[in-house]
N, C-alpha and C. Protein backbone atom coordinates (compact mmCIF):
# COMPACT_ATOMS: atom_id res chain seq x y z
N ASP A 1 14.85 12.19 7.56
CA ASP A 1 14.07 13.08 8.22
C ASP A 1 13.58 14.49 8.19
N GLU A 2 15.03 15.04 7.42
CA GLU A 2 15.02 16.71 7.14
C GLU A 2 13.58 17.28 6.83
N GLY A 3 13.03 18.09 7.57
CA GLY A 3 11.95 18.71 7.43
C GLY A 3 10.57 17.99 8.05
N ALA A 4 10.72 16.79 8.61
CA ALA A 4 9.59 16.00 9.02
C ALA A 4 9.03 16.53 10.10
N ASP A 5 7.56 16.82 10.59
CA ASP A 5 7.18 17.10 11.71
C ASP A 5 7.39 16.28 12.89
N PRO A 6 7.90 16.93 13.91
CA PRO A 6 8.21 16.04 14.98
C PRO A 6 7.07 15.50 15.76
N THR A 7 5.85 16.02 15.71
CA THR A 7 4.56 15.53 16.16
C THR A 7 4.17 14.16 15.51
N GLU A 8 4.23 14.37 14.21
CA GLU A 8 3.74 13.17 13.33
C GLU A 8 4.96 12.05 13.31
N THR A 9 6.34 12.45 13.54
CA THR A 9 7.32 11.44 13.72
C THR A 9 6.89 10.66 14.90
N ALA A 10 6.51 11.35 15.87
CA ALA A 10 6.31 10.74 17.13
C ALA A 10 5.27 9.83 16.85
N ARG A 11 4.18 10.26 16.50
CA ARG A 11 2.73 9.49 16.11
C ARG A 11 3.11 8.31 15.25
N LEU A 12 4.20 8.13 14.40
CA LEU A 12 4.33 7.02 13.69
C LEU A 12 5.22 6.27 14.58
N ARG A 13 6.06 6.47 15.40
CA ARG A 13 6.79 5.64 16.37
C ARG A 13 5.95 4.91 17.20
N GLU A 14 4.95 5.58 17.70
CA GLU A 14 3.92 5.16 18.66
C GLU A 14 3.17 3.77 17.86
N GLU A 15 2.73 4.27 16.69
CA GLU A 15 1.93 3.12 16.00
C GLU A 15 2.86 1.93 15.49
N ALA A 16 4.00 2.30 15.11
CA ALA A 16 4.83 1.10 15.00
C ALA A 16 5.02 0.38 16.23
N GLU A 17 5.10 0.96 17.33
CA GLU A 17 5.47 0.18 18.58
C GLU A 17 4.11 -0.92 18.86
N ALA A 18 2.86 -0.25 18.65
CA ALA A 18 1.72 -0.77 18.55
C ALA A 18 1.51 -2.01 17.52
N LEU A 19 2.05 -1.74 16.66
CA LEU A 19 1.81 -2.62 15.34
C LEU A 19 3.00 -3.97 15.71
N GLY A 20 4.11 -3.42 16.14
CA GLY A 20 5.02 -4.67 16.53
C GLY A 20 5.13 -5.52 15.14
N GLU A 21 5.17 -6.66 15.63
CA GLU A 21 5.49 -7.97 14.48
C GLU A 21 4.18 -8.03 13.61
N GLU A 22 3.29 -7.32 14.00
CA GLU A 22 1.78 -7.53 13.30
C GLU A 22 1.89 -6.62 12.03
N VAL A 23 2.73 -5.95 12.00
CA VAL A 23 3.03 -5.13 10.68
C VAL A 23 3.63 -6.04 9.25
N THR A 24 3.68 -7.64 9.97
CA THR A 24 4.11 -8.63 8.70
C THR A 24 3.15 -9.59 8.67
N VAL A 25 1.71 -8.88 9.41
CA VAL A 25 0.51 -9.89 9.00
C VAL A 25 -0.09 -10.29 7.89
N LEU A 26 0.75 -10.06 6.59
CA LEU A 26 0.21 -10.43 5.55
C LEU A 26 0.63 -11.96 5.44
N ARG A 27 1.55 -12.61 6.55
CA ARG A 27 1.75 -13.73 6.47
C ARG A 27 0.25 -14.57 6.56
N ARG A 28 -0.73 -13.98 7.30
CA ARG A 28 -2.07 -14.66 7.07
C ARG A 28 -2.49 -15.11 5.76
N ARG A 29 -3.57 -15.95 5.84
CA ARG A 29 -3.95 -16.21 4.68
C ARG A 29 -4.96 -15.71 3.90
N LEU A 30 -4.86 -15.13 2.85
CA LEU A 30 -5.63 -14.56 1.92
C LEU A 30 -5.94 -15.16 0.63
N GLN A 31 -7.16 -14.99 0.40
CA GLN A 31 -7.53 -15.66 -1.19
C GLN A 31 -7.92 -14.86 -2.03
N ASP A 32 -7.18 -15.19 -3.37
CA ASP A 32 -7.20 -14.42 -4.62
C ASP A 32 -8.60 -15.13 -5.11
N ALA A 33 -9.07 -14.40 -6.31
CA ALA A 33 -10.31 -14.68 -6.94
C ALA A 33 -10.40 -16.24 -7.24
N PRO A 34 -9.65 -16.90 -7.76
CA PRO A 34 -9.60 -18.38 -8.01
C PRO A 34 -9.82 -19.05 -6.91
N LYS A 35 -9.53 -18.31 -5.33
CA LYS A 35 -9.80 -19.18 -4.17
C LYS A 35 -8.51 -19.65 -3.96
N ARG A 36 -7.37 -19.39 -4.60
CA ARG A 36 -5.93 -19.70 -4.10
C ARG A 36 -5.52 -18.95 -2.88
N VAL A 37 -4.94 -19.74 -2.03
CA VAL A 37 -4.70 -19.05 -0.50
C VAL A 37 -3.28 -18.64 -1.10
N ARG A 38 -2.85 -17.43 -0.68
CA ARG A 38 -1.63 -16.68 -0.55
C ARG A 38 -1.23 -16.09 0.64
N THR A 39 0.20 -16.16 0.97
CA THR A 39 0.47 -15.52 2.02
C THR A 39 2.11 -14.94 1.52
N LEU A 40 2.67 -13.98 2.31
CA LEU A 40 3.95 -13.56 1.93
C LEU A 40 5.05 -14.32 2.04
N GLU A 41 4.89 -15.55 2.88
CA GLU A 41 5.87 -16.62 3.07
C GLU A 41 6.46 -16.93 1.44
N GLU A 42 5.47 -17.25 0.56
CA GLU A 42 5.75 -17.80 -0.67
C GLU A 42 6.66 -16.59 -1.72
N ARG A 43 6.68 -15.45 -0.78
CA ARG A 43 7.54 -14.24 -1.66
C ARG A 43 8.53 -13.96 -0.91
N ARG A 44 9.09 -14.86 -0.15
CA ARG A 44 10.19 -14.35 0.75
C ARG A 44 11.48 -14.15 -0.14
N GLY A 45 12.27 -13.22 -0.02
CA GLY A 45 13.44 -12.87 -0.92
C GLY A 45 13.11 -12.38 -2.03
N THR A 46 11.97 -11.63 -2.10
CA THR A 46 11.65 -10.75 -3.41
C THR A 46 11.03 -9.79 -3.23
N PHE A 47 10.83 -8.82 -4.23
CA PHE A 47 10.07 -7.73 -3.76
C PHE A 47 8.54 -7.97 -4.25
N THR A 48 7.88 -7.57 -3.38
CA THR A 48 6.37 -7.47 -3.33
C THR A 48 5.57 -6.19 -2.95
N LEU A 49 4.86 -5.70 -4.13
CA LEU A 49 4.05 -4.56 -3.69
C LEU A 49 2.77 -4.94 -3.38
N VAL A 50 2.18 -4.51 -1.95
CA VAL A 50 1.03 -4.88 -1.55
C VAL A 50 0.02 -3.47 -1.43
N TYR A 51 -1.04 -3.30 -2.19
CA TYR A 51 -1.91 -2.09 -2.00
C TYR A 51 -2.99 -2.35 -1.64
N PHE A 52 -3.70 -1.87 -0.75
CA PHE A 52 -4.98 -1.74 -0.24
C PHE A 52 -5.88 -0.74 -0.86
N TYR A 53 -7.09 -1.18 -1.16
CA TYR A 53 -8.01 -0.24 -2.14
C TYR A 53 -9.13 -0.54 -1.40
N PRO A 54 -10.29 0.33 -1.50
CA PRO A 54 -11.43 0.25 -0.86
C PRO A 54 -12.27 -0.54 -1.50
N LYS A 55 -12.72 -0.79 -2.83
CA LYS A 55 -13.82 -1.63 -3.34
C LYS A 55 -13.31 -1.63 -4.82
N ASP A 56 -13.77 -3.04 -5.00
CA ASP A 56 -13.43 -3.43 -6.56
C ASP A 56 -14.55 -2.54 -7.57
N ASP A 57 -13.96 -2.22 -8.79
CA ASP A 57 -14.96 -1.65 -9.53
C ASP A 57 -15.28 -0.27 -9.61
N THR A 58 -14.71 0.34 -8.61
CA THR A 58 -15.16 1.85 -8.61
C THR A 58 -14.11 2.59 -9.24
N PRO A 59 -14.49 3.95 -9.64
CA PRO A 59 -13.65 4.77 -10.40
C PRO A 59 -11.98 4.77 -10.06
N GLY A 60 -11.88 5.34 -8.73
CA GLY A 60 -10.51 5.23 -8.31
C GLY A 60 -9.84 4.05 -8.28
N CYS A 61 -10.44 3.09 -7.70
CA CYS A 61 -9.81 1.56 -7.58
C CYS A 61 -9.33 0.88 -9.08
N THR A 62 -10.40 1.40 -10.00
CA THR A 62 -10.08 0.99 -11.17
C THR A 62 -8.77 1.82 -12.04
N ILE A 63 -8.82 2.73 -11.81
CA ILE A 63 -7.47 3.70 -12.29
C ILE A 63 -6.60 3.17 -11.60
N GLU A 64 -6.15 2.95 -10.43
CA GLU A 64 -5.27 2.35 -9.77
C GLU A 64 -4.68 0.86 -10.04
N ALA A 65 -5.76 0.17 -10.19
CA ALA A 65 -5.35 -1.13 -10.50
C ALA A 65 -4.89 -1.20 -11.99
N CYS A 66 -5.49 -0.43 -13.00
CA CYS A 66 -5.10 -0.55 -14.40
C CYS A 66 -3.72 0.20 -14.60
N GLU A 67 -3.40 1.06 -13.63
CA GLU A 67 -2.06 1.54 -13.52
C GLU A 67 -0.94 0.29 -13.36
N PHE A 68 -1.27 -0.52 -12.23
CA PHE A 68 -0.36 -1.42 -11.84
C PHE A 68 -0.39 -2.76 -13.17
N ARG A 69 -1.47 -3.08 -13.68
CA ARG A 69 -1.64 -3.71 -14.79
C ARG A 69 -0.66 -3.27 -15.78
N ASP A 70 -0.60 -2.12 -16.21
CA ASP A 70 0.29 -1.44 -17.34
C ASP A 70 1.50 -1.40 -16.99
N ALA A 71 1.95 -1.56 -15.73
CA ALA A 71 3.43 -1.50 -15.32
C ALA A 71 3.87 -2.85 -15.08
N GLU A 72 3.31 -3.80 -15.63
CA GLU A 72 3.91 -5.18 -15.24
C GLU A 72 5.09 -5.55 -16.01
N ARG A 73 5.38 -4.85 -16.99
CA ARG A 73 6.92 -5.12 -17.60
C ARG A 73 7.70 -4.62 -16.76
N ALA A 74 7.63 -3.27 -16.31
CA ALA A 74 8.61 -2.64 -15.38
C ALA A 74 8.83 -3.38 -14.02
N LEU A 75 7.90 -3.84 -13.55
CA LEU A 75 8.03 -4.16 -12.13
C LEU A 75 8.46 -5.80 -12.32
N HIS A 76 8.48 -6.47 -13.30
CA HIS A 76 8.98 -7.63 -13.70
C HIS A 76 10.10 -7.57 -14.18
N ALA A 77 11.00 -6.54 -14.53
CA ALA A 77 12.24 -6.15 -14.92
C ALA A 77 12.84 -6.24 -13.64
N VAL A 78 12.27 -5.91 -12.34
CA VAL A 78 13.15 -5.88 -11.10
C VAL A 78 12.66 -6.87 -10.20
N GLY A 79 11.96 -8.11 -10.70
CA GLY A 79 11.71 -9.05 -9.92
C GLY A 79 10.59 -8.71 -9.14
N ALA A 80 9.63 -7.91 -9.35
CA ALA A 80 8.60 -7.47 -8.24
C ALA A 80 7.04 -7.74 -8.87
N ILE A 81 6.27 -8.14 -7.93
CA ILE A 81 5.26 -8.46 -8.40
C ILE A 81 4.16 -7.47 -7.37
N VAL A 82 2.81 -7.57 -7.85
CA VAL A 82 1.72 -6.43 -7.18
C VAL A 82 0.68 -7.44 -6.52
N TRP A 83 0.23 -7.36 -5.36
CA TRP A 83 -0.87 -7.82 -4.82
C TRP A 83 -1.81 -6.79 -4.37
N GLY A 84 -3.00 -6.88 -4.70
CA GLY A 84 -4.25 -5.85 -4.27
C GLY A 84 -4.88 -6.52 -3.20
N VAL A 85 -5.35 -5.62 -2.28
CA VAL A 85 -6.21 -6.46 -1.13
C VAL A 85 -7.43 -5.18 -0.85
N SER A 86 -8.40 -6.08 -0.88
CA SER A 86 -9.74 -5.01 -0.30
C SER A 86 -10.75 -6.21 0.48
N PRO A 87 -11.72 -5.66 1.17
CA PRO A 87 -12.50 -6.50 1.47
C PRO A 87 -13.70 -6.93 0.92
N ASP A 88 -13.85 -6.99 -0.50
CA ASP A 88 -14.88 -7.78 -1.36
C ASP A 88 -14.31 -9.07 -1.31
N ASP A 89 -15.51 -9.89 -1.80
CA ASP A 89 -15.52 -11.30 -1.97
C ASP A 89 -14.69 -11.77 -3.10
N GLN A 90 -14.46 -13.12 -3.03
CA GLN A 90 -14.07 -13.61 -4.41
C GLN A 90 -14.81 -13.60 -5.67
N ALA A 91 -15.76 -13.47 -5.53
CA ALA A 91 -16.59 -13.49 -6.66
C ALA A 91 -16.58 -11.92 -7.27
N SER A 92 -16.62 -11.02 -6.44
CA SER A 92 -16.34 -9.58 -6.78
C SER A 92 -14.99 -9.53 -7.49
N LYS A 93 -14.14 -10.08 -6.79
CA LYS A 93 -12.44 -9.93 -7.19
C LYS A 93 -12.54 -10.79 -8.80
N ALA A 94 -13.34 -11.88 -8.78
CA ALA A 94 -13.08 -12.46 -10.40
C ALA A 94 -13.73 -11.44 -11.37
N ALA A 95 -14.86 -10.90 -11.20
CA ALA A 95 -15.56 -10.20 -11.84
C ALA A 95 -14.73 -8.81 -12.40
N PHE A 96 -13.99 -8.22 -11.34
CA PHE A 96 -13.38 -7.12 -11.37
C PHE A 96 -12.01 -7.62 -12.27
N ARG A 97 -11.26 -8.41 -12.25
CA ARG A 97 -9.93 -9.14 -12.67
C ARG A 97 -10.47 -9.11 -14.18
N ASP A 98 -11.70 -9.93 -14.37
CA ASP A 98 -12.00 -10.41 -15.64
C ASP A 98 -12.59 -9.05 -16.63
N LYS A 99 -13.05 -8.27 -16.02
CA LYS A 99 -13.47 -6.72 -16.59
C LYS A 99 -12.40 -6.25 -17.07
N PHE A 100 -11.25 -5.99 -16.33
CA PHE A 100 -10.14 -5.25 -16.83
C PHE A 100 -8.81 -5.78 -17.27
N SER A 101 -8.98 -7.02 -17.18
CA SER A 101 -7.81 -7.92 -17.72
C SER A 101 -6.77 -7.82 -16.68
N LEU A 102 -6.77 -7.65 -15.38
CA LEU A 102 -5.87 -7.54 -14.53
C LEU A 102 -4.82 -8.78 -14.48
N ASN A 103 -4.01 -8.48 -14.33
CA ASN A 103 -2.66 -9.39 -14.48
C ASN A 103 -1.71 -9.74 -13.20
N PHE A 104 -2.60 -9.49 -12.05
CA PHE A 104 -1.76 -9.64 -10.77
C PHE A 104 -2.93 -10.09 -9.79
N PRO A 105 -2.38 -10.87 -8.78
CA PRO A 105 -3.70 -11.29 -7.71
C PRO A 105 -4.21 -10.09 -7.16
N ILE A 106 -5.61 -10.09 -6.91
CA ILE A 106 -6.36 -9.22 -6.06
C ILE A 106 -7.01 -10.10 -5.01
N LEU A 107 -6.85 -9.74 -3.57
CA LEU A 107 -7.21 -10.72 -2.68
C LEU A 107 -8.21 -10.34 -1.54
N ALA A 108 -8.77 -11.11 -1.08
CA ALA A 108 -10.10 -10.99 -0.31
C ALA A 108 -9.73 -10.90 1.19
N ASP A 109 -9.87 -9.78 1.67
CA ASP A 109 -9.67 -9.55 3.42
C ASP A 109 -10.92 -9.25 3.79
N LEU A 110 -11.88 -10.34 3.80
CA LEU A 110 -13.36 -10.27 4.27
C LEU A 110 -13.60 -9.59 5.52
N ASP A 111 -12.68 -9.93 6.46
CA ASP A 111 -12.98 -9.34 7.85
C ASP A 111 -12.30 -8.11 8.09
N HIS A 112 -11.61 -7.84 7.16
CA HIS A 112 -10.62 -6.72 7.18
C HIS A 112 -9.54 -6.56 8.49
N ARG A 113 -9.21 -8.15 8.95
CA ARG A 113 -8.39 -8.18 9.79
C ARG A 113 -6.87 -7.70 9.53
N VAL A 114 -6.53 -8.10 8.19
CA VAL A 114 -5.18 -7.47 7.58
C VAL A 114 -5.14 -6.28 7.43
N ALA A 115 -6.23 -5.45 6.95
CA ALA A 115 -6.18 -4.08 6.99
C ALA A 115 -6.08 -3.37 8.34
N ASP A 116 -6.67 -4.06 9.23
CA ASP A 116 -6.70 -3.58 10.79
C ASP A 116 -5.39 -3.50 11.27
N ALA A 117 -4.57 -4.73 10.84
CA ALA A 117 -3.18 -4.75 11.39
C ALA A 117 -2.34 -3.80 10.71
N TYR A 118 -2.49 -3.49 9.58
CA TYR A 118 -1.60 -2.55 8.67
C TYR A 118 -1.99 -1.03 9.05
N GLY A 119 -3.25 -1.08 9.79
CA GLY A 119 -3.48 0.40 10.01
C GLY A 119 -3.97 1.12 9.00
N VAL A 120 -4.61 0.68 8.03
CA VAL A 120 -5.13 1.14 6.84
C VAL A 120 -6.97 1.26 6.94
N TRP A 121 -7.36 0.42 7.93
CA TRP A 121 -8.81 0.34 8.26
C TRP A 121 -9.16 1.37 9.18
N GLY A 122 -10.18 2.28 9.07
CA GLY A 122 -10.44 3.42 9.90
C GLY A 122 -11.84 4.32 9.44
N GLU A 123 -11.83 5.17 10.09
CA GLU A 123 -13.03 5.96 9.88
C GLU A 123 -12.55 6.97 8.70
N LYS A 124 -13.79 7.13 7.75
CA LYS A 124 -13.81 8.05 6.43
C LYS A 124 -15.00 8.87 6.32
N ALA A 125 -14.84 9.63 5.62
CA ALA A 125 -16.18 10.55 5.29
C ALA A 125 -15.89 10.95 3.87
N ALA A 126 -17.26 10.74 3.43
CA ALA A 126 -17.63 11.12 2.12
C ALA A 126 -19.15 11.40 1.87
N LEU A 127 -19.50 12.65 0.97
CA LEU A 127 -20.74 12.81 0.66
C LEU A 127 -21.66 13.19 1.80
N GLY A 128 -21.04 13.68 2.92
CA GLY A 128 -21.80 14.05 4.19
C GLY A 128 -21.93 12.73 5.01
N LYS A 129 -21.24 11.86 4.87
CA LYS A 129 -21.43 10.61 5.63
C LYS A 129 -20.17 9.98 6.44
N VAL A 130 -20.11 9.46 7.49
CA VAL A 130 -19.13 9.10 8.17
C VAL A 130 -19.11 7.46 8.12
N TYR A 131 -18.27 6.86 7.99
CA TYR A 131 -18.10 5.31 7.86
C TYR A 131 -16.92 4.70 7.94
N GLU A 132 -16.58 3.44 8.28
CA GLU A 132 -15.69 2.88 8.25
C GLU A 132 -15.08 1.93 6.91
N GLY A 133 -13.82 1.97 6.55
CA GLY A 133 -13.42 1.54 5.59
C GLY A 133 -11.86 1.58 5.29
N VAL A 134 -11.31 1.13 4.03
CA VAL A 134 -10.02 1.24 3.78
C VAL A 134 -9.57 2.51 3.43
N HIS A 135 -8.46 2.79 3.92
CA HIS A 135 -7.62 3.79 3.15
C HIS A 135 -6.64 3.40 2.27
N ARG A 136 -6.89 3.87 1.39
CA ARG A 136 -5.70 3.64 0.32
C ARG A 136 -4.47 3.83 0.29
N THR A 137 -3.54 2.82 0.45
CA THR A 137 -2.35 2.68 1.03
C THR A 137 -1.55 1.52 0.40
N THR A 138 -0.02 2.10 0.20
CA THR A 138 0.39 1.12 -0.58
C THR A 138 1.85 0.70 0.34
N PHE A 139 2.25 -0.66 0.16
CA PHE A 139 3.27 -1.24 0.86
C PHE A 139 4.30 -1.92 -0.10
N LEU A 140 5.45 -1.78 0.00
CA LEU A 140 6.47 -2.30 -0.65
C LEU A 140 7.32 -3.21 0.28
N ILE A 141 7.25 -4.77 0.38
CA ILE A 141 8.27 -5.31 0.94
C ILE A 141 9.59 -5.64 0.36
N ALA A 142 10.53 -5.49 0.73
CA ALA A 142 11.60 -5.84 0.06
C ALA A 142 12.45 -7.21 0.21
N PRO A 143 13.44 -7.58 -0.27
CA PRO A 143 13.62 -9.07 -0.19
C PRO A 143 14.25 -9.30 1.21
N ASP A 144 14.78 -8.24 1.86
CA ASP A 144 15.35 -8.60 3.25
C ASP A 144 14.34 -8.27 4.29
N GLY A 145 12.95 -8.08 3.92
CA GLY A 145 11.89 -8.11 5.14
C GLY A 145 11.66 -6.71 5.12
N SER A 146 12.31 -5.82 4.92
CA SER A 146 11.92 -4.01 5.30
C SER A 146 10.67 -3.94 4.50
N ILE A 147 9.96 -2.91 4.87
CA ILE A 147 8.57 -2.70 4.70
C ILE A 147 8.67 -1.07 4.47
N PHE A 148 8.24 -0.72 3.19
CA PHE A 148 8.28 0.65 2.75
C PHE A 148 6.76 0.99 2.81
N VAL A 149 6.31 2.26 3.31
CA VAL A 149 4.87 2.56 2.98
C VAL A 149 4.58 3.90 2.49
N ALA A 150 3.67 3.98 1.46
CA ALA A 150 3.41 5.31 0.92
C ALA A 150 2.14 5.62 1.54
N GLU A 151 2.22 6.65 2.42
CA GLU A 151 0.95 6.97 3.05
C GLU A 151 0.52 8.28 2.86
N GLY A 152 -0.71 8.71 2.68
CA GLY A 152 -1.22 9.97 2.59
C GLY A 152 -2.01 10.05 1.09
N HIS A 153 -2.42 8.96 0.71
CA HIS A 153 -3.08 9.01 -0.72
C HIS A 153 -4.39 10.03 -0.42
N THR A 154 -4.48 10.89 -0.71
CA THR A 154 -5.49 11.91 -0.40
C THR A 154 -5.26 13.29 -1.34
N LYS A 155 -6.22 13.90 -1.86
CA LYS A 155 -6.26 14.96 -2.66
C LYS A 155 -6.42 16.35 -1.84
N ASP A 156 -6.00 16.20 -0.58
CA ASP A 156 -6.03 17.15 0.40
C ASP A 156 -4.65 17.36 1.13
N TYR A 157 -3.98 18.59 0.82
CA TYR A 157 -2.77 18.60 1.04
C TYR A 157 -2.75 18.60 2.76
N LYS A 158 -3.80 18.97 3.41
CA LYS A 158 -3.87 18.88 5.01
C LYS A 158 -3.69 17.58 5.42
N GLY A 159 -3.43 16.69 4.52
CA GLY A 159 -2.98 15.15 4.96
C GLY A 159 -1.52 15.19 5.36
N HIS A 160 -1.12 14.06 5.32
CA HIS A 160 0.41 13.77 6.08
C HIS A 160 0.88 12.84 4.79
N PRO A 161 1.23 13.41 3.42
CA PRO A 161 1.72 12.25 2.43
C PRO A 161 3.30 12.11 2.68
N HIS A 162 3.82 11.01 2.99
CA HIS A 162 5.24 10.70 2.94
C HIS A 162 5.19 9.18 2.89
N VAL A 163 6.68 9.04 2.92
CA VAL A 163 6.97 7.37 2.94
C VAL A 163 7.69 6.98 4.28
N ILE A 164 7.51 5.68 4.67
CA ILE A 164 7.79 5.21 6.08
C ILE A 164 8.56 4.08 5.78
N LYS A 165 9.64 3.68 6.51
CA LYS A 165 10.24 2.61 6.47
C LYS A 165 10.34 1.95 7.82
N PHE A 166 9.77 0.56 7.86
CA PHE A 166 9.97 -0.51 9.09
C PHE A 166 10.83 -1.35 8.64
N ASP A 167 11.49 -2.12 9.75
CA ASP A 167 12.16 -3.24 9.67
C ASP A 167 11.43 -4.44 9.56
N LYS A 168 11.82 -5.50 9.16
CA LYS A 168 11.23 -6.82 8.92
C LYS A 168 10.45 -7.21 10.24
N ASP A 169 10.59 -6.51 11.68
CA ASP A 169 9.85 -7.06 12.57
C ASP A 169 8.84 -5.82 12.99
N GLY A 170 8.85 -4.89 11.91
CA GLY A 170 7.92 -3.69 12.57
C GLY A 170 8.46 -2.46 13.27
N LYS A 171 9.64 -2.45 13.46
CA LYS A 171 10.21 -1.34 14.07
C LYS A 171 10.27 -0.20 13.11
N PHE A 172 9.85 1.08 13.68
CA PHE A 172 9.84 2.13 12.71
C PHE A 172 11.33 2.72 12.77
N ILE A 173 11.67 2.72 11.15
CA ILE A 173 13.25 3.21 10.97
C ILE A 173 13.20 4.72 10.79
N LYS A 174 12.58 5.17 9.80
CA LYS A 174 12.70 6.71 9.17
C LYS A 174 11.37 6.79 8.37
N GLN A 175 11.24 8.36 8.24
CA GLN A 175 10.21 8.72 7.20
C GLN A 175 10.46 9.65 6.35
N TRP A 176 10.24 9.85 5.10
CA TRP A 176 10.81 10.92 4.31
C TRP A 176 9.30 11.68 3.68
N GLY A 177 9.59 13.05 3.56
CA GLY A 177 8.59 13.70 2.69
C GLY A 177 7.58 14.46 3.66
N THR A 178 7.31 15.80 3.14
CA THR A 178 6.28 16.87 3.71
C THR A 178 5.46 17.14 2.72
N PRO A 179 4.17 17.67 2.69
CA PRO A 179 3.14 18.01 1.91
C PRO A 179 3.83 19.21 1.09
N GLY A 180 3.56 18.85 -0.35
CA GLY A 180 3.93 20.14 -1.33
C GLY A 180 4.33 19.30 -2.67
N ASN A 181 5.04 20.52 -3.33
CA ASN A 181 5.34 20.32 -4.77
C ASN A 181 7.16 20.20 -4.96
N GLY A 182 7.51 20.71 -4.07
CA GLY A 182 9.27 20.81 -4.07
C GLY A 182 9.91 19.54 -3.80
N PRO A 183 11.39 19.69 -3.71
CA PRO A 183 12.19 18.48 -3.70
C PRO A 183 11.98 18.06 -2.37
N GLY A 184 11.73 16.83 -2.01
CA GLY A 184 11.38 15.88 -0.77
C GLY A 184 10.24 16.09 -0.44
N GLN A 185 9.30 16.58 -1.16
CA GLN A 185 7.76 16.87 -1.05
C GLN A 185 7.05 15.73 -1.80
N PHE A 186 5.86 15.47 -1.30
CA PHE A 186 5.02 14.89 -2.16
C PHE A 186 3.43 15.29 -1.78
N GLY A 187 2.49 15.11 -2.99
CA GLY A 187 1.38 15.50 -3.03
C GLY A 187 0.39 14.07 -2.79
N MET A 188 0.46 13.18 -3.45
CA MET A 188 -0.08 11.96 -3.42
C MET A 188 0.81 10.63 -3.70
N PRO A 189 1.68 10.18 -2.70
CA PRO A 189 2.69 9.15 -2.89
C PRO A 189 1.40 7.76 -3.51
N HIS A 190 2.17 7.37 -4.13
CA HIS A 190 0.99 6.24 -4.94
C HIS A 190 1.72 4.79 -5.18
N CYS A 191 3.02 4.91 -5.74
CA CYS A 191 3.62 3.58 -5.92
C CYS A 191 5.17 3.53 -5.64
N LEU A 192 5.41 2.52 -5.07
CA LEU A 192 6.80 2.38 -4.71
C LEU A 192 7.67 1.41 -5.49
N ALA A 193 9.01 1.70 -5.58
CA ALA A 193 10.05 0.55 -6.28
C ALA A 193 11.24 0.97 -5.84
N ILE A 194 12.23 -0.31 -6.09
CA ILE A 194 13.37 -0.07 -5.52
C ILE A 194 14.21 -0.85 -6.50
N ASP A 195 15.42 0.07 -7.24
CA ASP A 195 15.90 -0.67 -8.07
C ASP A 195 17.28 -1.63 -7.45
N SER A 196 18.01 -2.11 -8.51
CA SER A 196 19.09 -3.11 -8.15
C SER A 196 20.29 -2.47 -7.13
N LYS A 197 20.04 -1.30 -7.21
CA LYS A 197 21.32 -0.58 -6.31
C LYS A 197 20.72 -0.11 -4.98
N GLY A 198 19.18 -0.36 -4.61
CA GLY A 198 18.83 0.05 -3.47
C GLY A 198 18.06 1.28 -3.57
N ASN A 199 18.21 1.84 -4.70
CA ASN A 199 17.49 3.19 -4.70
C ASN A 199 15.90 3.42 -4.68
N LEU A 200 15.46 4.02 -3.76
CA LEU A 200 13.75 3.93 -3.67
C LEU A 200 13.08 4.92 -4.53
N TYR A 201 12.10 4.60 -5.41
CA TYR A 201 11.49 5.44 -6.16
C TYR A 201 10.15 5.78 -5.99
N VAL A 202 9.62 6.78 -5.47
CA VAL A 202 8.07 7.17 -5.33
C VAL A 202 7.25 7.73 -6.48
N GLY A 203 6.21 7.04 -7.02
CA GLY A 203 5.28 7.87 -7.78
C GLY A 203 4.47 8.53 -7.04
N ASP A 204 4.35 9.99 -7.46
CA ASP A 204 3.75 11.07 -6.72
C ASP A 204 2.41 11.25 -7.95
N ARG A 205 1.44 10.99 -7.69
CA ARG A 205 0.06 11.45 -8.68
C ARG A 205 -0.14 12.82 -8.91
N ASP A 206 -0.31 13.20 -7.66
CA ASP A 206 -0.64 14.65 -7.65
C ASP A 206 0.51 15.82 -8.27
N ASN A 207 1.66 15.55 -8.20
CA ASN A 207 2.87 16.18 -8.86
C ASN A 207 2.94 15.52 -10.09
N ASN A 208 2.55 14.44 -10.52
CA ASN A 208 2.78 13.97 -11.96
C ASN A 208 4.33 13.34 -12.11
N ARG A 209 4.71 12.83 -10.87
CA ARG A 209 6.15 12.47 -11.38
C ARG A 209 6.48 11.21 -10.51
């Protein structure tokens, strides 16, 4: 937690207490494009990278999806799979998947209940308009149930880019990172991975590392 903002850490602790066991709400049923029902129970004991994105077939979401698509070999080497989640319906998911040859499930959260429980649904602003939607966020669920969150996917350094760890019951454990491009700092934490020795790797898009 070195260099962490005490106010931000307190906020995270409060959020974690509010989430409690809901941080594992992906045990709820979600459907992929072929309408297969999926839950995290089927992935128990393995690495699952779950990322929330705003909308199918939009520029930023397409880049993100294709990056995960192209990382298939590296992810499979450590036994990890990717699930994408957005509020779009299954027909939209099927079209997005087929257009870009996506090789992982993209799941429909039509009522955004899962996004709500994970704290990634909220107020946004773009082009002078304020609206509610998904904040782009990545979660890595480890085999022991620990949850790592890459938060702060933003092009504005006024955000709070960091990585957060919760235990399997949603208890806040710690956070890493402050805004910037130095050691221990992040610009846009984007992707997470853990190797066989338990080392955590963070892809930082803004800092190209």
